N, C-alpha and C. Protein backbone atom coordinates (compact mmCIF):
# COMPACT_ATOMS: atom_id res chain seq x y z
N MET A 1 -2.79 -14.84 20.60
CA MET A 1 -2.19 -13.91 19.68
C MET A 1 -0.80 -13.53 20.17
N LYS A 2 0.16 -13.61 19.25
CA LYS A 2 1.53 -13.20 19.54
C LYS A 2 1.88 -12.07 18.59
N ILE A 3 2.29 -10.95 19.16
CA ILE A 3 2.68 -9.80 18.35
C ILE A 3 4.16 -9.54 18.61
N VAL A 4 4.93 -9.52 17.53
CA VAL A 4 6.38 -9.33 17.63
C VAL A 4 6.72 -7.97 17.02
N LEU A 5 7.26 -7.08 17.86
CA LEU A 5 7.63 -5.74 17.41
C LEU A 5 9.12 -5.71 17.10
N LEU A 6 9.45 -5.22 15.92
CA LEU A 6 10.85 -5.11 15.56
C LEU A 6 11.13 -3.74 14.97
N GLY A 7 12.40 -3.39 14.96
CA GLY A 7 12.81 -2.08 14.46
C GLY A 7 14.11 -1.68 15.12
N TYR A 8 14.62 -0.54 14.69
CA TYR A 8 15.90 -0.07 15.20
C TYR A 8 15.76 0.39 16.65
N MET A 9 16.89 0.42 17.37
CA MET A 9 16.83 0.92 18.75
C MET A 9 16.30 2.35 18.72
N GLY A 10 15.45 2.66 19.69
CA GLY A 10 14.86 3.98 19.75
C GLY A 10 13.57 4.13 18.97
N SER A 11 13.13 3.06 18.31
CA SER A 11 11.90 3.17 17.50
C SER A 11 10.63 3.01 18.34
N GLY A 12 10.78 2.67 19.61
CA GLY A 12 9.62 2.60 20.50
C GLY A 12 9.09 1.19 20.74
N LYS A 13 9.87 0.18 20.40
CA LYS A 13 9.38 -1.21 20.55
C LYS A 13 8.93 -1.50 21.98
N SER A 14 9.73 -1.13 22.96
CA SER A 14 9.38 -1.42 24.36
C SER A 14 8.28 -0.51 24.86
N THR A 15 8.38 0.77 24.58
CA THR A 15 7.38 1.73 25.06
C THR A 15 6.02 1.44 24.46
N VAL A 16 5.96 1.32 23.14
CA VAL A 16 4.70 1.03 22.46
C VAL A 16 4.23 -0.38 22.83
N GLY A 17 5.16 -1.31 22.91
CA GLY A 17 4.82 -2.69 23.24
C GLY A 17 4.14 -2.83 24.60
N ARG A 18 4.67 -2.13 25.60
CA ARG A 18 4.05 -2.19 26.94
C ARG A 18 2.61 -1.68 26.89
N GLU A 19 2.40 -0.55 26.22
CA GLU A 19 1.06 0.04 26.15
C GLU A 19 0.11 -0.81 25.30
N LEU A 20 0.62 -1.37 24.21
CA LEU A 20 -0.21 -2.25 23.38
C LEU A 20 -0.62 -3.49 24.18
N ALA A 21 0.33 -4.05 24.92
CA ALA A 21 0.04 -5.23 25.74
C ALA A 21 -1.05 -4.92 26.77
N LYS A 22 -0.96 -3.74 27.41
CA LYS A 22 -1.99 -3.34 28.38
C LYS A 22 -3.35 -3.24 27.69
N ALA A 23 -3.37 -2.58 26.53
CA ALA A 23 -4.62 -2.37 25.80
C ALA A 23 -5.25 -3.70 25.37
N LEU A 24 -4.41 -4.68 25.05
CA LEU A 24 -4.91 -5.98 24.59
C LEU A 24 -5.02 -7.01 25.71
N LYS A 25 -4.65 -6.58 26.92
CA LYS A 25 -4.67 -7.48 28.09
C LYS A 25 -3.81 -8.73 27.85
N LEU A 26 -2.63 -8.48 27.30
CA LEU A 26 -1.65 -9.54 27.05
C LEU A 26 -0.39 -9.24 27.85
N PRO A 27 0.40 -10.27 28.19
CA PRO A 27 1.68 -9.99 28.84
C PRO A 27 2.64 -9.31 27.86
N PHE A 28 3.48 -8.42 28.39
CA PHE A 28 4.53 -7.80 27.59
C PHE A 28 5.85 -8.51 27.89
N LYS A 29 6.59 -8.80 26.85
CA LYS A 29 7.90 -9.42 27.01
C LYS A 29 8.92 -8.64 26.20
N ASP A 30 10.10 -8.48 26.78
CA ASP A 30 11.22 -7.84 26.11
C ASP A 30 12.27 -8.93 25.96
N LEU A 31 12.70 -9.20 24.73
CA LEU A 31 13.61 -10.33 24.49
C LEU A 31 14.89 -10.21 25.30
N ASP A 32 15.48 -9.01 25.36
CA ASP A 32 16.70 -8.84 26.15
C ASP A 32 16.47 -9.15 27.62
N GLN A 33 15.33 -8.71 28.16
CA GLN A 33 15.02 -8.99 29.57
C GLN A 33 14.79 -10.49 29.80
N GLU A 34 14.19 -11.16 28.83
CA GLU A 34 14.00 -12.62 28.93
C GLU A 34 15.36 -13.34 28.98
N ILE A 35 16.29 -12.88 28.15
CA ILE A 35 17.64 -13.46 28.12
C ILE A 35 18.35 -13.20 29.46
N GLU A 36 18.24 -11.96 29.94
CA GLU A 36 18.86 -11.61 31.22
C GLU A 36 18.30 -12.46 32.35
N ALA A 37 16.99 -12.69 32.34
CA ALA A 37 16.36 -13.51 33.39
C ALA A 37 16.89 -14.94 33.35
N GLN A 38 17.04 -15.49 32.16
CA GLN A 38 17.55 -16.87 32.04
C GLN A 38 19.01 -16.97 32.42
N MET A 39 19.80 -15.96 32.04
CA MET A 39 21.25 -16.00 32.28
C MET A 39 21.65 -15.47 33.66
N GLY A 40 20.80 -14.64 34.25
CA GLY A 40 21.13 -14.07 35.56
C GLY A 40 22.13 -12.93 35.50
N VAL A 41 22.40 -12.43 34.31
CA VAL A 41 23.30 -11.27 34.13
C VAL A 41 22.75 -10.38 33.02
N SER A 42 23.25 -9.15 32.93
CA SER A 42 22.77 -8.21 31.93
C SER A 42 23.30 -8.57 30.54
N VAL A 43 22.64 -8.06 29.52
CA VAL A 43 23.08 -8.29 28.14
C VAL A 43 24.50 -7.77 27.95
N SER A 44 24.80 -6.58 28.50
CA SER A 44 26.16 -6.05 28.32
C SER A 44 27.19 -6.95 29.00
N GLU A 45 26.84 -7.55 30.14
CA GLU A 45 27.77 -8.49 30.79
C GLU A 45 27.94 -9.76 29.95
N ILE A 46 26.86 -10.22 29.32
CA ILE A 46 26.97 -11.40 28.44
C ILE A 46 27.93 -11.08 27.30
N PHE A 47 27.76 -9.90 26.68
CA PHE A 47 28.66 -9.48 25.60
C PHE A 47 30.11 -9.44 26.09
N ASP A 48 30.32 -8.81 27.26
CA ASP A 48 31.68 -8.65 27.80
C ASP A 48 32.31 -9.99 28.17
N GLN A 49 31.53 -10.87 28.81
CA GLN A 49 32.08 -12.12 29.34
C GLN A 49 32.12 -13.26 28.33
N LYS A 50 31.12 -13.33 27.47
CA LYS A 50 31.00 -14.49 26.58
C LYS A 50 31.08 -14.13 25.10
N GLY A 51 30.92 -12.85 24.77
CA GLY A 51 31.03 -12.41 23.39
C GLY A 51 29.69 -12.38 22.65
N GLU A 52 29.71 -11.70 21.51
CA GLU A 52 28.48 -11.50 20.74
C GLU A 52 27.94 -12.81 20.17
N LEU A 53 28.81 -13.69 19.71
CA LEU A 53 28.35 -14.94 19.11
C LEU A 53 27.54 -15.77 20.13
N PHE A 54 28.05 -15.87 21.36
CA PHE A 54 27.32 -16.57 22.41
C PHE A 54 25.96 -15.92 22.62
N PHE A 55 25.97 -14.56 22.72
CA PHE A 55 24.71 -13.84 22.93
C PHE A 55 23.71 -14.12 21.82
N ARG A 56 24.16 -14.07 20.57
CA ARG A 56 23.25 -14.26 19.43
C ARG A 56 22.66 -15.67 19.43
N LYS A 57 23.45 -16.67 19.82
CA LYS A 57 22.92 -18.04 19.90
C LYS A 57 21.87 -18.13 21.00
N LYS A 58 22.15 -17.52 22.13
CA LYS A 58 21.19 -17.51 23.25
C LYS A 58 19.91 -16.77 22.84
N GLU A 59 20.09 -15.65 22.15
CA GLU A 59 18.95 -14.85 21.69
C GLU A 59 18.03 -15.68 20.79
N THR A 60 18.61 -16.43 19.86
CA THR A 60 17.83 -17.28 18.97
C THR A 60 17.10 -18.36 19.77
N GLY A 61 17.79 -18.96 20.73
CA GLY A 61 17.17 -20.00 21.56
C GLY A 61 15.98 -19.48 22.35
N VAL A 62 16.13 -18.31 22.95
CA VAL A 62 15.04 -17.73 23.75
C VAL A 62 13.88 -17.32 22.84
N LEU A 63 14.20 -16.78 21.68
CA LEU A 63 13.15 -16.42 20.71
C LEU A 63 12.36 -17.67 20.31
N GLU A 64 13.06 -18.75 20.02
CA GLU A 64 12.39 -20.02 19.66
C GLU A 64 11.47 -20.49 20.78
N GLN A 65 11.97 -20.43 22.02
CA GLN A 65 11.16 -20.85 23.17
C GLN A 65 9.88 -20.03 23.27
N LEU A 66 10.00 -18.71 23.13
CA LEU A 66 8.84 -17.84 23.24
C LEU A 66 7.83 -18.11 22.13
N LEU A 67 8.32 -18.26 20.90
CA LEU A 67 7.42 -18.49 19.78
C LEU A 67 6.72 -19.85 19.87
N ALA A 68 7.34 -20.80 20.59
CA ALA A 68 6.77 -22.15 20.71
C ALA A 68 5.72 -22.25 21.82
N THR A 69 5.61 -21.23 22.67
CA THR A 69 4.63 -21.31 23.76
C THR A 69 3.21 -21.18 23.22
N ASN A 70 2.27 -21.61 24.03
CA ASN A 70 0.86 -21.55 23.65
C ASN A 70 0.18 -20.28 24.13
N THR A 71 0.92 -19.43 24.81
CA THR A 71 0.31 -18.21 25.35
C THR A 71 0.60 -17.01 24.45
N GLY A 72 -0.33 -16.07 24.44
CA GLY A 72 -0.17 -14.86 23.67
C GLY A 72 0.67 -13.84 24.42
N PHE A 73 1.23 -12.89 23.70
CA PHE A 73 2.05 -11.84 24.29
C PHE A 73 2.35 -10.78 23.23
N VAL A 74 2.89 -9.68 23.72
CA VAL A 74 3.50 -8.67 22.86
C VAL A 74 4.98 -8.73 23.18
N LEU A 75 5.80 -8.95 22.16
CA LEU A 75 7.24 -9.14 22.35
C LEU A 75 8.01 -8.04 21.63
N ALA A 76 8.89 -7.36 22.37
CA ALA A 76 9.80 -6.38 21.77
C ALA A 76 11.14 -7.07 21.56
N LEU A 77 11.59 -7.10 20.31
CA LEU A 77 12.90 -7.68 19.99
C LEU A 77 13.99 -6.64 20.20
N GLY A 78 15.23 -7.11 20.27
CA GLY A 78 16.36 -6.21 20.21
C GLY A 78 16.48 -5.71 18.77
N GLY A 79 17.08 -4.56 18.57
CA GLY A 79 17.20 -3.98 17.24
C GLY A 79 17.88 -4.88 16.23
N GLY A 80 18.85 -5.66 16.68
CA GLY A 80 19.58 -6.54 15.77
C GLY A 80 19.02 -7.94 15.63
N THR A 81 18.09 -8.31 16.49
CA THR A 81 17.57 -9.68 16.51
C THR A 81 17.14 -10.21 15.14
N PRO A 82 16.35 -9.46 14.36
CA PRO A 82 15.88 -10.01 13.08
C PRO A 82 17.01 -10.29 12.08
N CYS A 83 18.18 -9.70 12.31
CA CYS A 83 19.26 -9.73 11.32
C CYS A 83 20.25 -10.87 11.53
N TYR A 84 20.11 -11.61 12.59
CA TYR A 84 21.08 -12.66 12.92
C TYR A 84 20.48 -14.04 12.76
N GLY A 85 21.35 -14.96 12.35
CA GLY A 85 20.93 -16.35 12.17
C GLY A 85 19.69 -16.41 11.30
N ASN A 86 18.76 -17.25 11.69
CA ASN A 86 17.50 -17.39 10.96
C ASN A 86 16.35 -16.81 11.79
N ASN A 87 16.63 -15.79 12.58
CA ASN A 87 15.61 -15.25 13.47
C ASN A 87 14.37 -14.76 12.72
N MET A 88 14.56 -14.07 11.62
CA MET A 88 13.39 -13.59 10.86
C MET A 88 12.63 -14.78 10.29
N GLY A 89 13.33 -15.79 9.88
CA GLY A 89 12.69 -17.02 9.38
C GLY A 89 11.86 -17.68 10.47
N LEU A 90 12.37 -17.70 11.71
CA LEU A 90 11.62 -18.28 12.84
C LEU A 90 10.32 -17.51 13.06
N ILE A 91 10.41 -16.19 12.99
CA ILE A 91 9.23 -15.35 13.20
C ILE A 91 8.22 -15.57 12.07
N GLU A 92 8.71 -15.63 10.85
CA GLU A 92 7.82 -15.85 9.70
C GLU A 92 7.17 -17.23 9.75
N ALA A 93 7.90 -18.22 10.24
CA ALA A 93 7.38 -19.59 10.29
C ALA A 93 6.36 -19.79 11.42
N ALA A 94 6.40 -18.91 12.42
CA ALA A 94 5.48 -19.04 13.55
C ALA A 94 4.12 -18.51 13.11
N ASN A 95 3.26 -19.42 12.68
CA ASN A 95 1.97 -18.99 12.12
C ASN A 95 1.03 -18.39 13.17
N THR A 96 1.42 -18.44 14.42
CA THR A 96 0.61 -17.81 15.47
C THR A 96 1.13 -16.41 15.81
N ALA A 97 2.19 -15.97 15.14
CA ALA A 97 2.78 -14.66 15.45
C ALA A 97 2.60 -13.69 14.28
N THR A 98 2.37 -12.43 14.63
CA THR A 98 2.28 -11.36 13.65
C THR A 98 3.41 -10.38 13.95
N SER A 99 4.23 -10.09 12.95
CA SER A 99 5.36 -9.18 13.16
C SER A 99 5.04 -7.80 12.63
N VAL A 100 5.51 -6.79 13.36
CA VAL A 100 5.29 -5.40 12.98
C VAL A 100 6.62 -4.65 13.09
N TYR A 101 7.01 -4.01 11.99
CA TYR A 101 8.21 -3.19 11.95
C TYR A 101 7.82 -1.75 12.27
N LEU A 102 8.35 -1.22 13.36
CA LEU A 102 8.14 0.18 13.72
C LEU A 102 9.23 0.98 13.01
N LYS A 103 8.86 1.63 11.93
CA LYS A 103 9.80 2.28 11.03
C LYS A 103 9.97 3.76 11.37
N ALA A 104 11.23 4.18 11.42
CA ALA A 104 11.54 5.58 11.70
C ALA A 104 12.66 6.06 10.80
N LYS A 105 12.68 7.34 10.55
CA LYS A 105 13.75 7.95 9.75
C LYS A 105 15.00 8.16 10.62
N VAL A 106 16.14 8.22 9.98
CA VAL A 106 17.42 8.37 10.67
C VAL A 106 17.41 9.58 11.61
N ALA A 107 16.94 10.71 11.14
CA ALA A 107 16.95 11.93 11.96
C ALA A 107 16.12 11.77 13.23
N GLU A 108 14.96 11.12 13.11
CA GLU A 108 14.11 10.92 14.29
C GLU A 108 14.77 9.95 15.27
N LEU A 109 15.38 8.89 14.76
CA LEU A 109 16.08 7.94 15.64
C LEU A 109 17.24 8.62 16.34
N ALA A 110 18.00 9.42 15.62
CA ALA A 110 19.15 10.12 16.22
C ALA A 110 18.68 11.05 17.34
N LEU A 111 17.60 11.76 17.11
CA LEU A 111 17.04 12.66 18.11
C LEU A 111 16.62 11.89 19.36
N ARG A 112 15.96 10.79 19.16
CA ARG A 112 15.50 9.96 20.29
C ARG A 112 16.68 9.33 21.03
N LEU A 113 17.67 8.82 20.28
CA LEU A 113 18.78 8.09 20.88
C LEU A 113 19.81 9.00 21.54
N LYS A 114 19.85 10.24 21.12
CA LYS A 114 20.80 11.20 21.69
C LYS A 114 20.58 11.34 23.20
N LYS A 115 19.31 11.26 23.62
CA LYS A 115 18.97 11.43 25.04
C LYS A 115 19.65 10.39 25.93
N GLY A 116 19.59 9.12 25.56
CA GLY A 116 20.18 8.06 26.38
C GLY A 116 21.41 7.44 25.75
N GLN A 117 22.08 8.23 24.93
CA GLN A 117 23.20 7.74 24.12
C GLN A 117 24.28 7.04 24.94
N GLU A 118 24.63 7.61 26.09
CA GLU A 118 25.74 7.06 26.88
C GLU A 118 25.39 5.72 27.52
N GLN A 119 24.09 5.40 27.62
CA GLN A 119 23.67 4.11 28.20
C GLN A 119 23.67 3.00 27.16
N ARG A 120 23.92 3.33 25.91
CA ARG A 120 23.92 2.35 24.84
C ARG A 120 25.36 2.18 24.34
N PRO A 121 25.96 1.03 24.63
CA PRO A 121 27.39 0.84 24.31
C PRO A 121 27.75 1.13 22.84
N LEU A 122 26.86 0.79 21.90
CA LEU A 122 27.17 1.02 20.49
C LEU A 122 27.19 2.51 20.13
N LEU A 123 26.56 3.33 20.96
CA LEU A 123 26.41 4.75 20.63
C LEU A 123 27.23 5.69 21.50
N ALA A 124 27.69 5.20 22.63
CA ALA A 124 28.39 6.06 23.59
C ALA A 124 29.58 6.77 22.94
N GLY A 125 29.70 8.07 23.24
CA GLY A 125 30.85 8.84 22.79
C GLY A 125 30.82 9.32 21.34
N ARG A 126 29.76 9.04 20.62
CA ARG A 126 29.68 9.47 19.21
C ARG A 126 29.19 10.92 19.11
N SER A 127 29.78 11.65 18.17
CA SER A 127 29.31 13.01 17.89
C SER A 127 27.95 12.91 17.20
N GLU A 128 27.25 14.04 17.09
CA GLU A 128 25.94 14.04 16.45
C GLU A 128 26.02 13.57 15.00
N ALA A 129 27.03 14.08 14.27
CA ALA A 129 27.19 13.69 12.86
C ALA A 129 27.53 12.20 12.74
N ASP A 130 28.40 11.73 13.63
CA ASP A 130 28.79 10.32 13.61
C ASP A 130 27.60 9.44 13.98
N LEU A 131 26.79 9.90 14.92
CA LEU A 131 25.59 9.16 15.32
C LEU A 131 24.65 9.00 14.14
N MET A 132 24.41 10.08 13.40
CA MET A 132 23.53 10.02 12.23
C MET A 132 24.09 9.04 11.19
N GLU A 133 25.37 9.10 10.95
CA GLU A 133 26.00 8.22 9.96
C GLU A 133 25.91 6.76 10.41
N PHE A 134 26.18 6.51 11.69
CA PHE A 134 26.12 5.16 12.24
C PHE A 134 24.72 4.57 12.10
N ILE A 135 23.71 5.35 12.48
CA ILE A 135 22.32 4.89 12.40
C ILE A 135 21.94 4.64 10.94
N GLY A 136 22.30 5.58 10.06
CA GLY A 136 21.99 5.44 8.64
C GLY A 136 22.58 4.18 8.03
N LYS A 137 23.83 3.90 8.36
CA LYS A 137 24.52 2.70 7.86
C LYS A 137 23.83 1.44 8.39
N HIS A 138 23.56 1.43 9.69
CA HIS A 138 22.88 0.28 10.31
C HIS A 138 21.51 0.04 9.70
N LEU A 139 20.73 1.10 9.55
CA LEU A 139 19.39 0.97 8.97
C LEU A 139 19.46 0.40 7.56
N PHE A 140 20.41 0.88 6.78
CA PHE A 140 20.59 0.39 5.41
C PHE A 140 20.86 -1.12 5.42
N GLU A 141 21.71 -1.57 6.34
CA GLU A 141 22.05 -3.00 6.43
C GLU A 141 20.87 -3.83 6.94
N ARG A 142 20.11 -3.28 7.85
CA ARG A 142 19.04 -4.03 8.50
C ARG A 142 17.70 -3.98 7.77
N MET A 143 17.54 -3.00 6.90
CA MET A 143 16.26 -2.80 6.22
C MET A 143 15.72 -4.07 5.55
N PRO A 144 16.54 -4.85 4.83
CA PRO A 144 15.98 -6.05 4.18
C PRO A 144 15.34 -7.03 5.18
N PHE A 145 15.86 -7.07 6.39
CA PHE A 145 15.28 -7.95 7.42
C PHE A 145 14.02 -7.31 8.00
N TYR A 146 14.10 -6.04 8.37
CA TYR A 146 12.96 -5.35 8.95
C TYR A 146 11.75 -5.35 8.00
N GLU A 147 12.02 -5.16 6.73
CA GLU A 147 10.94 -5.06 5.74
C GLU A 147 10.21 -6.39 5.51
N ARG A 148 10.75 -7.48 6.04
CA ARG A 148 10.08 -8.78 5.92
C ARG A 148 8.94 -8.94 6.92
N ALA A 149 8.77 -7.99 7.81
CA ALA A 149 7.69 -8.06 8.81
C ALA A 149 6.34 -8.10 8.11
N ASP A 150 5.35 -8.67 8.78
CA ASP A 150 4.00 -8.75 8.24
C ASP A 150 3.41 -7.36 7.97
N HIS A 151 3.75 -6.41 8.84
CA HIS A 151 3.23 -5.05 8.72
C HIS A 151 4.36 -4.06 8.98
N VAL A 152 4.30 -2.92 8.30
CA VAL A 152 5.25 -1.83 8.51
C VAL A 152 4.45 -0.61 8.95
N VAL A 153 4.82 -0.04 10.09
CA VAL A 153 4.13 1.13 10.63
C VAL A 153 5.15 2.26 10.78
N ASP A 154 4.88 3.36 10.10
CA ASP A 154 5.73 4.54 10.20
C ASP A 154 5.39 5.25 11.51
N ILE A 155 6.40 5.47 12.35
CA ILE A 155 6.16 6.06 13.66
C ILE A 155 6.26 7.58 13.67
N ALA A 156 6.62 8.18 12.53
CA ALA A 156 6.89 9.62 12.46
C ALA A 156 5.78 10.47 13.06
N SER A 157 6.16 11.30 14.00
CA SER A 157 5.27 12.31 14.61
C SER A 157 4.01 11.72 15.23
N LYS A 158 4.08 10.47 15.67
CA LYS A 158 2.91 9.86 16.31
C LYS A 158 3.20 9.63 17.79
N SER A 159 2.19 9.87 18.62
CA SER A 159 2.32 9.60 20.05
C SER A 159 2.21 8.09 20.29
N VAL A 160 2.57 7.67 21.47
CA VAL A 160 2.45 6.26 21.85
C VAL A 160 0.99 5.83 21.72
N ASP A 161 0.07 6.67 22.22
CA ASP A 161 -1.36 6.33 22.15
C ASP A 161 -1.84 6.19 20.71
N GLN A 162 -1.38 7.09 19.83
CA GLN A 162 -1.75 7.00 18.41
C GLN A 162 -1.22 5.71 17.79
N LEU A 163 0.01 5.35 18.14
CA LEU A 163 0.59 4.11 17.60
C LEU A 163 -0.15 2.88 18.11
N VAL A 164 -0.53 2.88 19.37
CA VAL A 164 -1.29 1.75 19.93
C VAL A 164 -2.62 1.61 19.18
N GLU A 165 -3.31 2.71 18.96
CA GLU A 165 -4.59 2.66 18.24
C GLU A 165 -4.39 2.19 16.80
N GLU A 166 -3.33 2.67 16.15
CA GLU A 166 -3.04 2.24 14.79
C GLU A 166 -2.74 0.74 14.73
N LEU A 167 -1.98 0.26 15.70
CA LEU A 167 -1.65 -1.17 15.73
C LEU A 167 -2.89 -2.02 16.01
N LYS A 168 -3.74 -1.58 16.93
CA LYS A 168 -4.96 -2.31 17.21
C LYS A 168 -5.82 -2.41 15.95
N SER A 169 -5.94 -1.33 15.24
CA SER A 169 -6.71 -1.31 14.01
C SER A 169 -6.09 -2.23 12.95
N LEU A 170 -4.79 -2.11 12.80
CA LEU A 170 -4.05 -2.92 11.83
C LEU A 170 -4.21 -4.42 12.12
N LEU A 171 -4.13 -4.76 13.40
CA LEU A 171 -4.22 -6.16 13.82
C LEU A 171 -5.67 -6.61 14.00
N GLN A 172 -6.60 -5.69 13.80
CA GLN A 172 -8.03 -5.96 13.92
C GLN A 172 -8.39 -6.56 15.27
N VAL A 173 -7.93 -5.87 16.32
CA VAL A 173 -8.24 -6.29 17.70
C VAL A 173 -8.73 -5.08 18.48
N GLY A 174 -9.39 -5.37 19.57
CA GLY A 174 -9.82 -4.31 20.50
C GLY A 174 -10.76 -3.39 19.84
């Protein structure tokens, strides 16, 4: 079983993904960390040194490799991954993978992202109002890709444990 978690940054893909993987006794994988491991440098260094286009091509290649493996896992994508190239098509075509969109409202994402805002290059230095506008615009652009997931789970006011239980039930496992 391969479970692919997608959604905007701050939606809990990595946090929920790690706990879901533990509950299902599957390895947890983070696409950005997989790319960093292959490249030997951080994602921000790849962006700085080689540019976004290079990163997006590498991202697609690593996603293809993971989806082609015979082993199960829980995979957290980067927030933009589904929106570039044919990445969503790759996920949809992988008949061994189930995709789940962790959906959140702009206000909840802004609240979550405000805490680590300076560690996220796209968000650093933005005022609260600008942050809300930025997230809202991004979500509007990305929604058509996110909504193509096999399942949509609203994360509003749910704990990590509640989300793990909801996902297990949805996926009919555990």
